[in-house]
PDB file of N, CA and C in Angstrom:
ATOM      1  N   MET A   1     104.396-118.965 -10.935  1.00  0.00           N
ATOM      2  CA  MET A   1     104.282-119.408 -12.153  1.00  0.00           C
ATOM      3  C   MET A   1     104.737-118.921 -13.081  1.00  0.00           C
ATOM      4  N   ASP A   2     105.320-119.979 -14.080  1.00  0.00           N
ATOM      5  CA  ASP A   2     105.912-119.138 -14.746  1.00  0.00           C
ATOM      6  C   ASP A   2     104.794-118.181 -15.891  1.00  0.00           C
ATOM      7  N   TYR A   3     105.830-116.969 -16.345  1.00  0.00           N
ATOM      8  CA  TYR A   3     105.228-116.340 -17.188  1.00  0.00           C
ATOM      9  C   TYR A   3     104.756-116.653 -18.072  1.00  0.00           C
ATOM     10  N   GLN A   4     105.812-117.253 -18.878  1.00  0.00           N
ATOM     11  CA  GLN A   4     105.380-118.512 -20.086  1.00  0.00           C
ATOM     12  C   GLN A   4     104.357-119.346 -20.810  1.00  0.00           C
ATOM     13  N   ILE A   5     103.936-119.748 -19.947  1.00  0.00           N
ATOM     14  CA  ILE A   5     102.916-120.777 -18.997  1.00  0.00           C
ATOM     15  C   ILE A   5     102.110-120.502 -18.998  1.00  0.00           C
ATOM     16  N   HIS A   6     101.613-119.614 -18.070  1.00  0.00           N
ATOM     17  CA  HIS A   6     100.351-117.911 -18.109  1.00  0.00           C
ATOM     18  C   HIS A   6      99.796-117.604 -18.878  1.00  0.00           C
ATOM     19  N   LYS A   7     100.844-116.640 -19.839  1.00  0.00           N
ATOM     20  CA  LYS A   7     100.781-116.282 -21.392  1.00  0.00           C
ATOM     21  C   LYS A   7     100.362-117.204 -22.241  1.00  0.00           C
ATOM     22  N   GLU A   8     100.534-118.552 -22.572  1.00  0.00           N
ATOM     23  CA  GLU A   8     100.390-119.299 -23.015  1.00  0.00           C
ATOM     24  C   GLU A   8      98.907-119.679 -22.913  1.00  0.00           C
ATOM     25  N   LEU A   9      98.867-120.163 -21.443  1.00  0.00           N
ATOM     26  CA  LEU A   9      97.162-120.093 -21.319  1.00  0.00           C
ATOM     27  C   LEU A   9      96.189-119.157 -21.548  1.00  0.00           C
ATOM     28  N   ASN A  10      96.098-118.363 -21.403  1.00  0.00           N
ATOM     29  CA  ASN A  10      95.344-116.802 -21.671  1.00  0.00           C
ATOM     30  C   ASN A  10      95.316-116.533 -22.624  1.00  0.00           C
ATOM     31  N   ASN A  11      96.511-117.027 -23.854  1.00  0.00           N
ATOM     32  CA  ASN A  11      96.533-116.228 -25.266  1.00  0.00           C
ATOM     33  C   ASN A  11      95.402-117.796 -26.031  1.00  0.00           C
ATOM     34  N   ASP A  12      95.692-118.932 -24.996  1.00  0.00           N
ATOM     35  CA  ASP A  12      94.689-120.632 -25.757  1.00  0.00           C
ATOM     36  C   ASP A  12      93.497-119.978 -25.221  1.00  0.00           C
ATOM     37  N   ILE A  13      93.289-119.462 -24.089  1.00  0.00           N
ATOM     38  CA  ILE A  13      92.280-118.969 -24.362  1.00  0.00           C
ATOM     39  C   ILE A  13      90.999-117.487 -24.778  1.00  0.00           C
ATOM     40  N   LEU A  14      91.735-116.749 -24.911  1.00  0.00           N
ATOM     41  CA  LEU A  14      91.431-115.466 -25.612  1.00  0.00           C
ATOM     42  C   LEU A  14      91.006-116.359 -27.023  1.00  0.00           C
ATOM     43  N   GLN A  15      91.965-117.004 -27.564  1.00  0.00           N
ATOM     44  CA  GLN A  15      91.711-117.676 -29.166  1.00  0.00           C
ATOM     45  C   GLN A  15      90.367-118.049 -29.379  1.00  0.00           C
ATOM     46  N   GLU A  16      89.999-119.064 -27.940  1.00  0.00           N
ATOM     47  CA  GLU A  16      88.876-120.005 -27.848  1.00  0.00           C
ATOM     48  C   GLU A  16      87.864-119.162 -27.855  1.00  0.00           C
ATOM     49  N   TYR A  17      88.154-118.174 -26.964  1.00  0.00           N
ATOM     50  CA  TYR A  17      86.894-117.104 -27.049  1.00  0.00           C
ATOM     51  C   TYR A  17      86.325-116.119 -28.721  1.00  0.00           C
ATOM     52  N   ILE A  18      86.997-115.617 -29.184  1.00  0.00           N
ATOM     53  CA  ILE A  18      87.480-115.108 -30.388  1.00  0.00           C
ATOM     54  C   ILE A  18      86.729-116.108 -31.172  1.00  0.00           C
ATOM     55  N   ARG A  19      87.413-117.027 -31.477  1.00  0.00           N
ATOM     56  CA  ARG A  19      86.741-118.586 -32.607  1.00  0.00           C
ATOM     57  C   ARG A  19      85.008-118.541 -32.268  1.00  0.00           C
ATOM     58  N   TYR A  20      84.767-118.938 -30.613  1.00  0.00           N
ATOM     59  CA  TYR A  20      83.846-119.243 -30.337  1.00  0.00           C
ATOM     60  C   TYR A  20      82.266-118.317 -30.815  1.00  0.00           C
ATOM     61  N   ARG A  21      82.813-116.862 -30.575  1.00  0.00           N
ATOM     62  CA  ARG A  21      82.609-115.541 -30.063  1.00  0.00           C
ATOM     63  C   ARG A  21      81.821-114.894 -32.082  1.00  0.00           C
ATOM     64  N   TYR A  22      82.713-115.399 -32.846  1.00  0.00           N
ATOM     65  CA  TYR A  22      83.215-114.795 -33.838  1.00  0.00           C
ATOM     66  C   TYR A  22      83.205-115.068 -35.006  1.00  0.00           C
ATOM     67  N   ASN A  23      83.181-116.725 -34.598  1.00  0.00           N
ATOM     68  CA  ASN A  23      82.989-117.936 -35.481  1.00  0.00           C
ATOM     69  C   ASN A  23      83.424-118.029 -36.405  1.00  0.00           C
ATOM     70  N   TYR A  24      85.113-118.229 -36.777  1.00  0.00           N
ATOM     71  CA  TYR A  24      86.409-118.268 -37.593  1.00  0.00           C
ATOM     72  C   TYR A  24      86.735-118.994 -37.686  1.00  0.00           C
ATOM     73  N   THR A  25      87.880-118.891 -38.358  1.00  0.00           N
ATOM     74  CA  THR A  25      89.519-119.338 -38.227  1.00  0.00           C
ATOM     75  C   THR A  25      89.921-119.039 -38.770  1.00  0.00           C
ATOM     76  N   THR A  26      91.424-118.962 -39.072  1.00  0.00           N
ATOM     77  CA  THR A  26      92.592-117.756 -39.413  1.00  0.00           C
ATOM     78  C   THR A  26      93.356-118.752 -40.196  1.00  0.00           C
ATOM     79  N   ALA A  27      93.857-118.547 -41.414  1.00  0.00           N
ATOM     80  CA  ALA A  27      95.051-118.906 -41.740  1.00  0.00           C
ATOM     81  C   ALA A  27      96.286-118.367 -41.954  1.00  0.00           C
ATOM     82  N   ASN A  28      97.340-118.735 -42.599  1.00  0.00           N
ATOM     83  CA  ASN A  28      98.997-117.489 -42.926  1.00  0.00           C
ATOM     84  C   ASN A  28      98.924-117.921 -44.253  1.00  0.00           C
ATOM     85  N   ASP A  29      99.503-117.384 -44.938  1.00  0.00           N
ATOM     86  CA  ASP A  29      99.865-117.282 -46.230  1.00  0.00           C
ATOM     87  C   ASP A  29      98.989-118.109 -47.064  1.00  0.00           C
ATOM     88  N   ASN A  30      97.304-117.450 -47.154  1.00  0.00           N
ATOM     89  CA  ASN A  30      96.932-118.242 -47.637  1.00  0.00           C
ATOM     90  C   ASN A  30      96.465-120.011 -47.386  1.00  0.00           C
ATOM     91  N   GLN A  31      97.375-120.502 -46.428  1.00  0.00           N
ATOM     92  CA  GLN A  31      97.047-121.823 -45.530  1.00  0.00           C
ATOM     93  C   GLN A  31      95.877-122.008 -45.324  1.00  0.00           C
ATOM     94  N   VAL A  32      95.300-123.621 -45.414  1.00  0.00           N
ATOM     95  CA  VAL A  32      93.410-123.517 -44.660  1.00  0.00           C
ATOM     96  C   VAL A  32      94.400-124.269 -43.444  1.00  0.00           C
ATOM     97  N   ILE A  33      93.793-123.969 -42.005  1.00  0.00           N
ATOM     98  CA  ILE A  33      94.050-124.533 -40.742  1.00  0.00           C
ATOM     99  C   ILE A  33      93.238-125.688 -40.838  1.00  0.00           C
ATOM    100  N   ALA A  34      93.782-126.819 -40.751  1.00  0.00           N
ATOM    101  CA  ALA A  34      92.628-127.578 -40.325  1.00  0.00           C
ATOM    102  C   ALA A  34      92.587-128.314 -38.771  1.00  0.00           C
ATOM    103  N   PRO A  35      91.080-128.354 -38.233  1.00  0.00           N
ATOM    104  CA  PRO A  35      90.439-128.586 -37.914  1.00  0.00           C
ATOM    105  C   PRO A  35      90.974-129.222 -36.674  1.00  0.00           C
ATOM    106  N   SER A  36      90.597-128.668 -35.235  1.00  0.00           N
ATOM    107  CA  SER A  36      91.904-129.363 -34.383  1.00  0.00           C
ATOM    108  C   SER A  36      91.102-131.266 -34.249  1.00  0.00           C
ATOM    109  N   THR A  37      92.543-132.185 -33.726  1.00  0.00           N
ATOM    110  CA  THR A  37      91.902-133.263 -33.820  1.00  0.00           C
ATOM    111  C   THR A  37      92.055-133.412 -32.619  1.00  0.00           C
ATOM    112  N   ILE A  38      92.232-133.107 -31.356  1.00  0.00           N
ATOM    113  CA  ILE A  38      91.652-132.926 -30.113  1.00  0.00           C
ATOM    114  C   ILE A  38      90.381-132.751 -29.328  1.00  0.00           C
ATOM    115  N   SER A  39      89.624-133.401 -29.424  1.00  0.00           N
ATOM    116  CA  SER A  39      88.169-133.718 -28.676  1.00  0.00           C
ATOM    117  C   SER A  39      89.036-133.909 -27.238  1.00  0.00           C
ATOM    118  N   ILE A  40      87.918-133.036 -26.329  1.00  0.00           N
ATOM    119  CA  ILE A  40      88.190-132.749 -24.906  1.00  0.00           C
ATOM    120  C   ILE A  40      86.455-132.786 -23.558  1.00  0.00           C
ATOM    121  N   SER A  41      86.287-134.063 -23.039  1.00  0.00           N
ATOM    122  CA  SER A  41      84.801-133.952 -22.627  1.00  0.00           C
ATOM    123  C   SER A  41      85.219-134.263 -20.856  1.00  0.00           C
ATOM    124  N   ALA A  42      84.371-133.251 -20.035  1.00  0.00           N
ATOM    125  CA  ALA A  42      84.477-133.472 -18.862  1.00  0.00           C
ATOM    126  C   ALA A  42      83.116-133.517 -18.341  1.00  0.00           C
ATOM    127  N   TYR A  43      82.918-134.903 -17.313  1.00  0.00           N
ATOM    128  CA  TYR A  43      81.962-135.492 -16.918  1.00  0.00           C
ATOM    129  C   TYR A  43      81.792-135.834 -16.034  1.00  0.00           C
ATOM    130  N   PRO A  44      81.134-135.178 -14.509  1.00  0.00           N
ATOM    131  CA  PRO A  44      80.263-134.406 -14.799  1.00  0.00           C
ATOM    132  C   PRO A  44      80.628-133.000 -14.536  1.00  0.00           C
ATOM    133  N   ASN A  45      79.625-131.957 -15.930  1.00  0.00           N
ATOM    134  CA  ASN A  45      80.860-130.881 -15.911  1.00  0.00           C
ATOM    135  C   ASN A  45      79.250-129.790 -15.691  1.00  0.00           C
ATOM    136  N   PRO A  46      79.130-129.265 -14.491  1.00  0.00           N
ATOM    137  CA  PRO A  46      80.239-128.418 -13.226  1.00  0.00           C
ATOM    138  C   PRO A  46      79.520-130.057 -12.662  1.00  0.00           C
ATOM    139  N   PHE A  47      80.663-130.145 -11.542  1.00  0.00           N
ATOM    140  CA  PHE A  47      81.445-131.336 -10.804  1.00  0.00           C
ATOM    141  C   PHE A  47      81.620-130.586  -9.303  1.00  0.00           C
ATOM    142  N   ASN A  48      80.925-131.659  -8.205  1.00  0.00           N
ATOM    143  CA  ASN A  48      81.151-131.397  -6.744  1.00  0.00           C
ATOM    144  C   ASN A  48      82.781-132.028  -6.549  1.00  0.00           C
ATOM    145  N   GLY A  49      82.599-133.033  -6.339  1.00  0.00           N
ATOM    146  CA  GLY A  49      83.609-134.392  -6.012  1.00  0.00           C
ATOM    147  C   GLY A  49      85.072-134.387  -7.071  1.00  0.00           C
ATOM    148  N   ASN A  50      84.953-135.266  -7.759  1.00  0.00           N
ATOM    149  CA  ASN A  50      85.738-135.681  -9.044  1.00  0.00           C
ATOM    150  C   ASN A  50      84.862-135.225 -10.511  1.00  0.00           C
ATOM    151  N   THR A  51      85.980-134.942 -11.508  1.00  0.00           N
ATOM    152  CA  THR A  51      85.422-134.615 -12.677  1.00  0.00           C
ATOM    153  C   THR A  51      86.165-135.780 -12.920  1.00  0.00           C
ATOM    154  N   ASN A  52      85.455-136.373 -14.571  1.00  0.00           N
ATOM    155  CA  ASN A  52      86.469-137.868 -15.445  1.00  0.00           C
ATOM    156  C   ASN A  52      86.902-136.939 -16.758  1.00  0.00           C
ATOM    157  N   ILE A  53      87.880-136.781 -17.488  1.00  0.00           N
ATOM    158  CA  ILE A  53      87.904-136.175 -18.403  1.00  0.00           C
ATOM    159  C   ILE A  53      88.021-137.290 -19.641  1.00  0.00           C
ATOM    160  N   THR A  54      87.630-137.217 -20.184  1.00  0.00           N
ATOM    161  CA  THR A  54      88.087-137.972 -21.894  1.00  0.00           C
ATOM    162  C   THR A  54      88.455-137.210 -22.480  1.00  0.00           C
ATOM    163  N   VAL A  55      89.729-137.569 -23.085  1.00  0.00           N
ATOM    164  CA  VAL A  55      90.501-136.495 -24.567  1.00  0.00           C
ATOM    165  C   VAL A  55      90.758-137.679 -25.675  1.00  0.00           C
ATOM    166  N   LYS A  56      90.425-137.124 -26.513  1.00  0.00           N
ATOM    167  CA  LYS A  56      90.992-138.178 -28.009  1.00  0.00           C
ATOM    168  C   LYS A  56      91.757-137.538 -28.872  1.00  0.00           C
ATOM    169  N   SER A  57      92.403-138.041 -29.527  1.00  0.00           N
ATOM    170  CA  SER A  57      93.320-137.071 -30.428  1.00  0.00           C
ATOM    171  C   SER A  57      93.947-138.388 -31.307  1.00  0.00           C
ATOM    172  N   ASN A  58      94.744-137.585 -32.588  1.00  0.00           N
ATOM    173  CA  ASN A  58      95.387-138.638 -32.783  1.00  0.00           C
ATOM    174  C   ASN A  58      97.059-138.668 -33.084  1.00  0.00           C
ATOM    175  N   ASP A  59      97.071-137.738 -31.843  1.00  0.00           N
ATOM    176  CA  ASP A  59      98.640-138.088 -31.233  1.00  0.00           C
ATOM    177  C   ASP A  59      98.250-139.016 -29.997  1.00  0.00           C
ATOM    178  N   LYS A  60      99.414-139.723 -29.741  1.00  0.00           N
ATOM    179  CA  LYS A  60      98.752-140.942 -28.855  1.00  0.00           C
ATOM    180  C   LYS A  60      99.692-140.419 -27.398  1.00  0.00           C
ATOM    181  N   GLN A  61     100.035-139.894 -27.735  1.00  0.00           N
ATOM    182  CA  GLN A  61     101.160-139.197 -26.413  1.00  0.00           C
ATOM    183  C   GLN A  61     100.302-137.593 -26.104  1.00  0.00           C
ATOM    184  N   VAL A  62      99.893-137.225 -24.759  1.00  0.00           N
ATOM    185  CA  VAL A  62      99.490-136.223 -24.628  1.00  0.00           C
ATOM    186  C   VAL A  62      99.836-135.450 -23.205  1.00  0.00           C
ATOM    187  N   LYS A  63      99.461-134.172 -23.419  1.00  0.00           N
ATOM    188  CA  LYS A  63      99.878-133.617 -21.778  1.00  0.00           C
ATOM    189  C   LYS A  63      98.577-133.114 -21.064  1.00  0.00           C
ATOM    190  N   VAL A  64      98.019-133.820 -20.362  1.00  0.00           N
ATOM    191  CA  VAL A  64      96.385-133.105 -19.711  1.00  0.00           C
ATOM    192  C   VAL A  64      96.647-132.794 -18.364  1.00  0.00           C
ATOM    193  N   GLN A  65      96.393-130.860 -18.138  1.00  0.00           N
ATOM    194  CA  GLN A  65      96.902-129.759 -17.646  1.00  0.00           C
ATOM    195  C   GLN A  65      95.711-129.651 -17.051  1.00  0.00           C
ATOM    196  N   LEU A  66      95.578-128.968 -15.760  1.00  0.00           N
ATOM    197  CA  LEU A  66      94.366-128.275 -14.999  1.00  0.00           C
ATOM    198  C   LEU A  66      94.788-127.024 -14.267  1.00  0.00           C
ATOM    199  N   TYR A  67      94.194-125.972 -14.759  1.00  0.00           N
ATOM    200  CA  TYR A  67      94.801-124.635 -14.678  1.00  0.00           C
ATOM    201  C   TYR A  67      93.487-124.089 -13.679  1.00  0.00           C
ATOM    202  N   ASN A  68      93.671-122.861 -12.942  1.00  0.00           N
ATOM    203  CA  ASN A  68      92.963-122.295 -12.011  1.00  0.00           C
ATOM    204  C   ASN A  68      91.943-121.162 -13.377  1.00  0.00           C
ATOM    205  N   ILE A  69      91.430-120.495 -12.317  1.00  0.00           N
ATOM    206  CA  ILE A  69      90.915-119.126 -12.908  1.00  0.00           C
ATOM    207  C   ILE A  69      92.369-118.148 -13.277  1.00  0.00           C
ATOM    208  N   LYS A  70      93.061-118.269 -12.494  1.00  0.00           N
ATOM    209  CA  LYS A  70      94.087-117.382 -12.365  1.00  0.00           C
ATOM    210  C   LYS A  70      95.522-117.765 -13.141  1.00  0.00           C
ATOM    211  N   GLY A  71      95.032-119.101 -13.707  1.00  0.00           N
ATOM    212  CA  GLY A  71      96.244-119.919 -14.957  1.00  0.00           C
ATOM    213  C   GLY A  71      97.258-120.421 -14.041  1.00  0.00           C
ATOM    214  N   ARG A  72      97.318-121.102 -12.910  1.00  0.00           N
ATOM    215  CA  ARG A  72      98.023-121.332 -12.041  1.00  0.00           C
ATOM    216  C   ARG A  72      97.866-123.019 -12.213  1.00  0.00           C
ATOM    217  N   LEU A  73      98.624-123.637 -12.791  1.00  0.00           N
ATOM    218  CA  LEU A  73      98.881-124.959 -12.881  1.00  0.00           C
ATOM    219  C   LEU A  73      98.094-126.276 -11.469  1.00  0.00           C
ATOM    220  N   ILE A  74      97.386-126.428 -11.345  1.00  0.00           N
ATOM    221  CA  ILE A  74      96.636-127.151 -10.074  1.00  0.00           C
ATOM    222  C   ILE A  74      97.357-128.449 -10.318  1.00  0.00           C
ATOM    223  N   ALA A  75      96.925-129.655 -11.719  1.00  0.00           N
ATOM    224  CA  ALA A  75      97.650-130.716 -11.564  1.00  0.00           C
ATOM    225  C   ALA A  75      97.678-131.034 -13.432  1.00  0.00           C
ATOM    226  N   GLU A  76      98.423-132.122 -13.321  1.00  0.00           N
ATOM    227  CA  GLU A  76      99.151-132.375 -14.822  1.00  0.00           C
ATOM    228  C   GLU A  76      99.281-133.634 -14.767  1.00  0.00           C
ATOM    229  N   GLU A  77      99.178-134.478 -15.816  1.00  0.00           N
ATOM    230  CA  GLU A  77      99.252-136.043 -15.892  1.00  0.00           C
ATOM    231  C   GLU A  77      99.442-136.194 -17.585  1.00  0.00           C
ATOM    232  N   ASN A  78     100.617-137.235 -17.702  1.00  0.00           N
ATOM    233  CA  ASN A  78     100.922-137.616 -19.134  1.00  0.00           C
ATOM    234  C   ASN A  78      99.971-138.870 -19.448  1.00  0.00           C
ATOM    235  N   MET A  79      99.398-138.411 -20.669  1.00  0.00           N
ATOM    236  CA  MET A  79      98.311-140.151 -21.015  1.00  0.00           C
ATOM    237  C   MET A  79      99.295-140.336 -22.220  1.00  0.00           C
ATOM    238  N   ASN A  80      99.324-141.469 -22.384  1.00  0.00           N
ATOM    239  CA  ASN A  80      99.364-142.643 -23.548  1.00  0.00           C
ATOM    240  C   ASN A  80      97.947-143.066 -24.097  1.00  0.00           C
ATOM    241  N   LEU A  81      97.234-142.600 -25.242  1.00  0.00           N
ATOM    242  CA  LEU A  81      96.004-142.802 -25.188  1.00  0.00           C
ATOM    243  C   LEU A  81      95.684-144.260 -26.323  1.00  0.00           C
ATOM    244  N   ASN A  82      97.075-145.066 -26.366  1.00  0.00           N
ATOM    245  CA  ASN A  82      96.798-146.361 -26.339  1.00  0.00           C
ATOM    246  C   ASN A  82      96.352-147.137 -25.317  1.00  0.00           C
ATOM    247  N   ARG A  83      96.730-146.559 -23.894  1.00  0.00           N
ATOM    248  CA  ARG A  83      96.510-147.278 -22.852  1.00  0.00           C
ATOM    249  C   ARG A  83      94.833-147.195 -22.295  1.00  0.00           C
ATOM    250  N   SER A  84      94.841-145.422 -22.505  1.00  0.00           N
ATOM    251  CA  SER A  84      93.441-145.491 -22.162  1.00  0.00           C
ATOM    252  C   SER A  84      93.365-143.642 -22.269  1.00  0.00           C
ATOM    253  N   ASN A  85      91.867-143.499 -22.179  1.00  0.00           N
ATOM    254  CA  ASN A  85      91.589-141.787 -22.671  1.00  0.00           C
ATOM    255  C   ASN A  85      90.785-141.287 -21.567  1.00  0.00           C
ATOM    256  N   ASN A  86      90.898-141.535 -20.557  1.00  0.00           N
ATOM    257  CA  ASN A  86      90.437-141.095 -19.357  1.00  0.00           C
ATOM    258  C   ASN A  86      91.118-140.691 -18.280  1.00  0.00           C
ATOM    259  N   VAL A  87      90.973-139.487 -17.491  1.00  0.00           N
ATOM    260  CA  VAL A  87      91.685-139.060 -16.780  1.00  0.00           C
ATOM    261  C   VAL A  87      91.379-138.646 -15.766  1.00  0.00           C
ATOM    262  N   ASN A  88      91.275-138.319 -14.660  1.00  0.00           N
ATOM    263  CA  ASN A  88      90.309-138.532 -13.416  1.00  0.00           C
ATOM    264  C   ASN A  88      91.491-137.925 -12.357  1.00  0.00           C
ATOM    265  N   PHE A  89      90.758-136.897 -12.219  1.00  0.00           N
ATOM    266  CA  PHE A  89      91.538-135.271 -11.296  1.00  0.00           C
ATOM    267  C   PHE A  89      91.202-135.635  -9.963  1.00  0.00           C
ATOM    268  N   ASN A  90      91.959-136.139  -8.737  1.00  0.00           N
ATOM    269  CA  ASN A  90      90.612-135.590  -7.415  1.00  0.00           C
ATOM    270  C   ASN A  90      91.338-134.175  -7.400  1.00  0.00           C
ATOM    271  N   THR A  91      90.024-133.630  -6.696  1.00  0.00           N
ATOM    272  CA  THR A  91      89.611-132.191  -6.955  1.00  0.00           C
ATOM    273  C   THR A  91      88.582-131.401  -5.322  1.00  0.00           C
ATOM    274  N   GLU A  92      88.962-132.714  -4.601  1.00  0.00           N
ATOM    275  CA  GLU A  92      88.306-132.831  -3.535  1.00  0.00           C
ATOM    276  C   GLU A  92      89.299-131.293  -2.831  1.00  0.00           C
ATOM    277  N   HIS A  93      90.276-131.038  -2.956  1.00  0.00           N
ATOM    278  CA  HIS A  93      90.677-129.536  -1.868  1.00  0.00           C
ATOM    279  C   HIS A  93      90.424-128.554  -2.899  1.00  0.00           C
ATOM    280  N   LEU A  94      90.094-128.175  -4.161  1.00  0.00           N
ATOM    281  CA  LEU A  94      89.526-127.533  -4.530  1.00  0.00           C
ATOM    282  C   LEU A  94      88.670-126.640  -4.146  1.00  0.00           C
ATOM    283  N   SER A  95      88.424-125.078  -4.268  1.00  0.00           N
ATOM    284  CA  SER A  95      87.135-124.475  -4.031  1.00  0.00           C
ATOM    285  C   SER A  95      86.298-124.347  -5.354  1.00  0.00           C
ATOM    286  N   SER A  96      85.123-124.048  -4.598  1.00  0.00           N
ATOM    287  CA  SER A  96      84.487-123.332  -6.221  1.00  0.00           C
ATOM    288  C   SER A  96      85.179-122.395  -6.974  1.00  0.00           C
ATOM    289  N   GLY A  97      84.765-122.548  -8.222  1.00  0.00           N
ATOM    290  CA  GLY A  97      85.288-122.086  -9.187  1.00  0.00           C
ATOM    291  C   GLY A  97      85.046-122.031 -10.533  1.00  0.00           C
ATOM    292  N   ILE A  98      85.970-121.835 -11.305  1.00  0.00           N
ATOM    293  CA  ILE A  98      86.055-122.078 -12.942  1.00  0.00           C
ATOM    294  C   ILE A  98      87.768-122.717 -13.056  1.00  0.00           C
ATOM    295  N   TYR A  99      87.542-124.077 -13.799  1.00  0.00           N
ATOM    296  CA  TYR A  99      88.993-123.703 -14.120  1.00  0.00           C
ATOM    297  C   TYR A  99      89.075-124.638 -15.686  1.00  0.00           C
ATOM    298  N   PHE A 100      90.802-124.712 -16.101  1.00  0.00           N
ATOM    299  CA  PHE A 100      90.369-124.743 -17.569  1.00  0.00           C
ATOM    300  C   PHE A 100      91.814-126.265 -17.312  1.00  0.00           C
ATOM    301  N   VAL A 101      90.961-126.913 -18.280  1.00  0.00           N
ATOM    302  CA  VAL A 101      91.685-128.755 -18.815  1.00  0.00           C
ATOM    303  C   VAL A 101      92.195-127.934 -20.390  1.00  0.00           C
ATOM    304  N   LYS A 102      93.537-128.100 -20.553  1.00  0.00           N
ATOM    305  CA  LYS A 102      94.488-128.162 -21.266  1.00  0.00           C
ATOM    306  C   LYS A 102      95.131-129.388 -21.800  1.00  0.00           C
ATOM    307  N   VAL A 103      95.012-129.711 -22.849  1.00  0.00           N
ATOM    308  CA  VAL A 103      95.058-130.417 -23.551  1.00  0.00           C
ATOM    309  C   VAL A 103      96.674-130.291 -24.715  1.00  0.00           C
ATOM    310  N   LYS A 104      97.778-130.729 -24.188  1.00  0.00           N
ATOM    311  CA  LYS A 104      98.682-130.667 -25.306  1.00  0.00           C
ATOM    312  C   LYS A 104      99.215-131.756 -26.163  1.00  0.00           C
ATOM    313  N   SER A 105      99.306-131.950 -27.185  1.00  0.00           N
ATOM    314  CA  SER A 105      99.986-132.956 -27.834  1.00  0.00           C
ATOM    315  C   SER A 105     101.556-132.733 -28.376  1.00  0.00           C
ATOM    316  N   ALA A 106     101.701-133.515 -29.843  1.00  0.00           N
ATOM    317  CA  ALA A 106     103.241-132.822 -30.383  1.00  0.00           C
ATOM    318  C   ALA A 106     102.702-131.921 -31.156  1.00  0.00           C
ATOM    319  N   THR A 107     101.555-131.563 -31.591  1.00  0.00           N
ATOM    320  CA  THR A 107     101.264-131.084 -33.008  1.00  0.00           C
ATOM    321  C   THR A 107     100.467-129.501 -32.350  1.00  0.00           C
ATOM    322  N   GLU A 108      99.192-129.697 -31.147  1.00  0.00           N
ATOM    323  CA  GLU A 108      98.549-128.533 -31.084  1.00  0.00           C
ATOM    324  C   GLU A 108      98.042-128.865 -29.396  1.00  0.00           C
ATOM    325  N   SER A 109      97.568-127.678 -28.880  1.00  0.00           N
ATOM    326  CA  SER A 109      96.640-127.925 -28.031  1.00  0.00           C
ATOM    327  C   SER A 109      95.435-127.478 -27.949  1.00  0.00           C
ATOM    328  N   LYS A 110      94.278-128.136 -26.853  1.00  0.00           N
ATOM    329  CA  LYS A 110      93.433-127.048 -26.655  1.00  0.00           C
ATOM    330  C   LYS A 110      92.944-127.473 -25.442  1.00  0.00           C
ATOM    331  N   THR A 111      92.114-126.321 -25.499  1.00  0.00           N
ATOM    332  CA  THR A 111      91.821-126.205 -23.858  1.00  0.00           C
ATOM    333  C   THR A 111      90.036-126.278 -23.606  1.00  0.00           C
ATOM    334  N   CYS A 112      89.525-126.795 -22.375  1.00  0.00           N
ATOM    335  CA  CYS A 112      88.162-126.455 -22.478  1.00  0.00           C
ATOM    336  C   CYS A 112      88.033-126.115 -21.205  1.00  0.00           C
ATOM    337  N   LYS A 113      86.328-125.307 -20.425  1.00  0.00           N
ATOM    338  CA  LYS A 113      86.425-125.205 -19.491  1.00  0.00           C
ATOM    339  C   LYS A 113      85.203-125.456 -18.606  1.00  0.00           C
ATOM    340  N   ILE A 114      85.802-126.355 -17.346  1.00  0.00           N
ATOM    341  CA  ILE A 114      85.076-126.545 -16.340  1.00  0.00           C
ATOM    342  C   ILE A 114      84.527-125.864 -15.326  1.00  0.00           C
ATOM    343  N   MET A 115      83.679-126.386 -14.440  1.00  0.00           N
ATOM    344  CA  MET A 115      83.171-125.369 -13.125  1.00  0.00           C
ATOM    345  C   MET A 115      82.850-126.385 -12.162  1.00  0.00           C
ATOM    346  N   LYS A 116      83.725-126.020 -10.747  1.00  0.00           N
ATOM    347  CA  LYS A 116      83.015-126.944  -9.531  1.00  0.00           C
ATOM    348  C   LYS A 116      82.483-125.813  -8.224  1.00  0.00           C
ATOM    349  N   ILE A 117      81.431-126.634  -8.367  1.00  0.00           N
ATOM    350  CA  ILE A 117      80.077-126.541  -7.368  1.00  0.00           C
ATOM    351  C   ILE A 117      80.186-126.890  -6.358  1.00  0.00           C
ATOM    352  N   LYS A 118      80.301-126.580  -5.331  1.00  0.00           N
ATOM    353  CA  LYS A 118      80.284-127.378  -3.890  1.00  0.00           C
ATOM    354  C   LYS A 118      78.847-127.247  -3.203  1.00  0.00           C
TER     355      LYS A 118
END
């Protein structure tokens, strides 16, 4: 796996945890950071076979990536949100554990955690 991708994923996950744990946002040069325009939901979560991921964003072109707990890219899908905002990854071959869904638009990215249980 490319070190930069692994580093970016770990950084995103750490930032999300810190924001969740300490409930704060950051700003540089006294600029207000707008809330994320990306929304991710996964159903069912935890899942057994497949999970349906729904993405909403102001940007109409996004990339949806599925990573395992080690930061390895498992699956990837480019989405045009004008046509559909759902993606269904086939996860039958994956073992039980924690996975991360990362959605990247032209202006931002967001990560959420999903769990597979066999």
